Amino acid sequence: MMDNEYIDKDTAHEEQKKQEPKKAKKKAPTASKKKRPNALIQILNGEFLTKGFVLNNLSFIFFIILLLLLLVGKGYYGKQLSKDADKAQVELNELSANYVETKAALEEETRRDKLIQKLGPRGLHETVNPTKVIRIKKKD
């Protein structure tokens, strides 16, 4: 054989068997059992996609994909709720500030001395006499 010649693996293996003298077969425990590769190694290699494993567990795989989509959707929904809560808090703070400002302006406009000034031209004056409270006693 030449060094650079292409050799088919199956034919080379058969030729090697023919050349070897036949020996008594020893039963090796590791050779008789087919060792399955580790599941993690199959996943990393991608071997599990080529087997009937995928077809047998297709509904479970779709269920897992659905759960993953729901998990992603829940994350986006949580972010949206957080943004809405922040927006509502900012709006509440603005409305509270507006309320305090308006209330202060109303108190300023309805002060006693300003009311007297505004109502003077209409002929209304502040009373000098204190107000009296009339109470009626009810008979039982």
Protein backbone atom coordinates (compact mmCIF):
# COMPACT_ATOMS: atom_id res chain seq x y z
CA MET A 1 0.00 0.00 0.00
CA MET A 2 1.07 3.52 -0.64
CA ASP A 3 1.18 6.20 2.00
CA ASN A 4 -0.99 8.72 0.18
CA GLU A 5 -3.58 6.28 -1.10
CA TYR A 6 -7.18 6.55 0.08
CA ILE A 7 -8.22 3.58 2.14
CA ASP A 8 -11.82 2.78 2.85
CA LYS A 9 -12.27 2.15 6.57
CA ASP A 10 -14.58 -0.87 6.17
CA THR A 11 -12.43 -2.64 3.59
CA ALA A 12 -9.25 -1.97 5.57
CA HIS A 13 -10.85 -3.41 8.67
CA GLU A 14 -11.93 -6.54 6.78
CA GLU A 15 -8.44 -7.00 5.30
CA GLN A 16 -6.90 -6.67 8.71
CA LYS A 17 -9.21 -9.38 10.06
CA LYS A 18 -8.24 -11.69 7.23
CA GLN A 19 -4.54 -11.19 7.86
CA GLU A 20 -4.73 -11.85 11.58
CA PRO A 21 -4.61 -15.47 12.63
CA LYS A 22 -7.76 -16.69 14.18
CA LYS A 23 -7.44 -16.77 17.94
CA ALA A 24 -9.77 -18.11 20.56
CA LYS A 25 -12.35 -15.49 21.28
CA LYS A 26 -12.23 -14.10 24.75
CA LYS A 27 -15.33 -12.57 26.12
CA ALA A 28 -14.56 -9.10 27.31
CA PRO A 29 -17.28 -7.59 29.48
CA THR A 30 -16.75 -4.10 28.07
CA ALA A 31 -16.71 -5.30 24.46
CA SER A 32 -19.92 -7.32 24.72
CA LYS A 33 -21.94 -4.48 26.18
CA LYS A 34 -22.58 -1.43 24.10
CA LYS A 35 -21.68 1.52 26.24
CA ARG A 36 -24.06 4.41 25.80
CA PRO A 37 -22.46 7.82 25.82
CA ASN A 38 -23.33 10.21 28.58
CA ALA A 39 -26.56 12.18 28.00
CA LEU A 40 -24.76 15.48 28.54
CA ILE A 41 -22.17 14.56 25.92
CA GLN A 42 -24.96 13.62 23.49
CA ILE A 43 -26.60 17.01 24.02
CA LEU A 44 -23.34 18.87 23.56
CA ASN A 45 -22.47 16.88 20.43
CA GLY A 46 -25.98 17.20 19.03
CA GLU A 47 -26.32 13.41 18.64
CA PHE A 48 -29.65 13.35 20.45
CA LEU A 49 -31.24 15.32 17.58
CA THR A 50 -30.57 12.54 15.09
CA LYS A 51 -32.18 9.78 17.10
CA GLY A 52 -35.71 8.69 17.73
CA PHE A 53 -35.41 10.43 21.09
CA VAL A 54 -36.64 13.66 19.54
CA LEU A 55 -39.60 12.01 17.85
CA ASN A 56 -40.59 10.14 20.98
CA ASN A 57 -40.44 13.25 23.15
CA LEU A 58 -41.62 15.85 20.65
CA SER A 59 -44.65 16.90 22.71
CA PHE A 60 -42.47 17.37 25.79
CA ILE A 61 -39.97 19.44 23.80
CA PHE A 62 -42.78 21.70 22.53
CA PHE A 63 -44.05 22.04 26.10
CA ILE A 64 -40.59 23.14 27.29
CA ILE A 65 -40.38 25.65 24.42
CA LEU A 66 -43.82 27.01 25.40
CA LEU A 67 -42.67 27.41 29.01
CA LEU A 68 -39.55 29.25 27.85
CA LEU A 69 -41.65 31.61 25.72
CA LEU A 70 -43.92 32.27 28.69
CA LEU A 71 -40.90 33.00 30.85
CA VAL A 72 -39.58 35.54 28.35
CA GLY A 73 -43.04 37.09 28.00
CA LYS A 74 -43.35 37.35 31.77
CA GLY A 75 -40.05 39.24 31.89
CA TYR A 76 -41.21 41.76 29.29
CA TYR A 77 -44.57 42.12 31.06
CA GLY A 78 -42.82 42.78 34.38
CA LYS A 79 -40.64 45.46 32.80
CA GLN A 80 -43.71 47.10 31.26
CA LEU A 81 -45.52 47.09 34.63
CA SER A 82 -42.47 48.64 36.27
CA LYS A 83 -42.35 51.40 33.64
CA ASP A 84 -46.08 52.05 34.06
CA ALA A 85 -45.72 52.24 37.86
CA ASP A 86 -42.83 54.71 37.55
CA LYS A 87 -44.81 56.81 35.08
CA ALA A 88 -47.85 56.84 37.40
CA GLN A 89 -45.64 57.83 40.36
CA VAL A 90 -44.17 60.76 38.42
CA GLU A 91 -47.67 61.88 37.39
CA LEU A 92 -48.87 61.60 41.00
CA ASN A 93 -45.95 63.71 42.21
CA GLU A 94 -46.72 66.38 39.58
CA LEU A 95 -50.41 66.44 40.55
CA SER A 96 -49.53 66.66 44.25
CA ALA A 97 -47.20 69.59 43.60
CA ASN A 98 -49.88 71.28 41.48
CA TYR A 99 -52.44 70.76 44.27
CA VAL A 100 -50.17 72.29 46.91
CA GLU A 101 -49.40 75.26 44.64
CA THR A 102 -53.07 75.86 43.84
CA LYS A 103 -54.07 75.55 47.49
CA ALA A 104 -51.41 78.08 48.49
CA ALA A 105 -52.63 80.49 45.79
CA LEU A 106 -56.24 80.09 46.98
CA GLU A 107 -55.26 80.77 50.58
CA GLU A 108 -53.35 83.85 49.44
CA GLU A 109 -56.32 85.20 47.49
CA THR A 110 -58.83 84.53 50.27
CA ARG A 111 -56.89 86.20 53.07
CA ARG A 112 -58.98 88.51 55.16
CA ASP A 113 -57.25 91.76 54.22
CA LYS A 114 -57.41 91.01 50.48
CA LEU A 115 -61.12 90.19 50.70
CA ILE A 116 -61.77 93.49 52.44
CA GLN A 117 -59.93 95.37 49.66
CA LYS A 118 -61.82 93.57 46.88
CA LEU A 119 -65.27 93.87 48.45
CA GLY A 120 -64.86 97.53 49.50
CA PRO A 121 -66.05 99.05 46.17
CA ARG A 122 -69.23 96.94 46.34
CA GLY A 123 -70.20 98.42 49.63
CA LEU A 124 -69.42 95.43 51.82
CA HIS A 125 -67.46 96.16 54.98
CA GLU A 126 -66.07 94.10 57.78
CA THR A 127 -68.26 94.01 60.86
CA VAL A 128 -66.96 95.54 64.02
CA ASN A 129 -69.29 93.59 66.29
CA PRO A 130 -68.33 90.02 67.05
CA THR A 131 -70.61 87.31 65.79
CA LYS A 132 -73.11 85.82 68.17
CA VAL A 133 -74.15 82.21 68.30
CA ILE A 134 -77.79 81.49 69.00
CA ARG A 135 -78.45 78.13 70.57
CA ILE A 136 -81.89 76.66 71.01
CA LYS A 137 -82.45 74.11 73.71
CA LYS A 138 -84.71 71.28 72.73
CA LYS A 139 -87.29 70.08 75.15
CA ASP A 140 -87.54 66.36 75.73
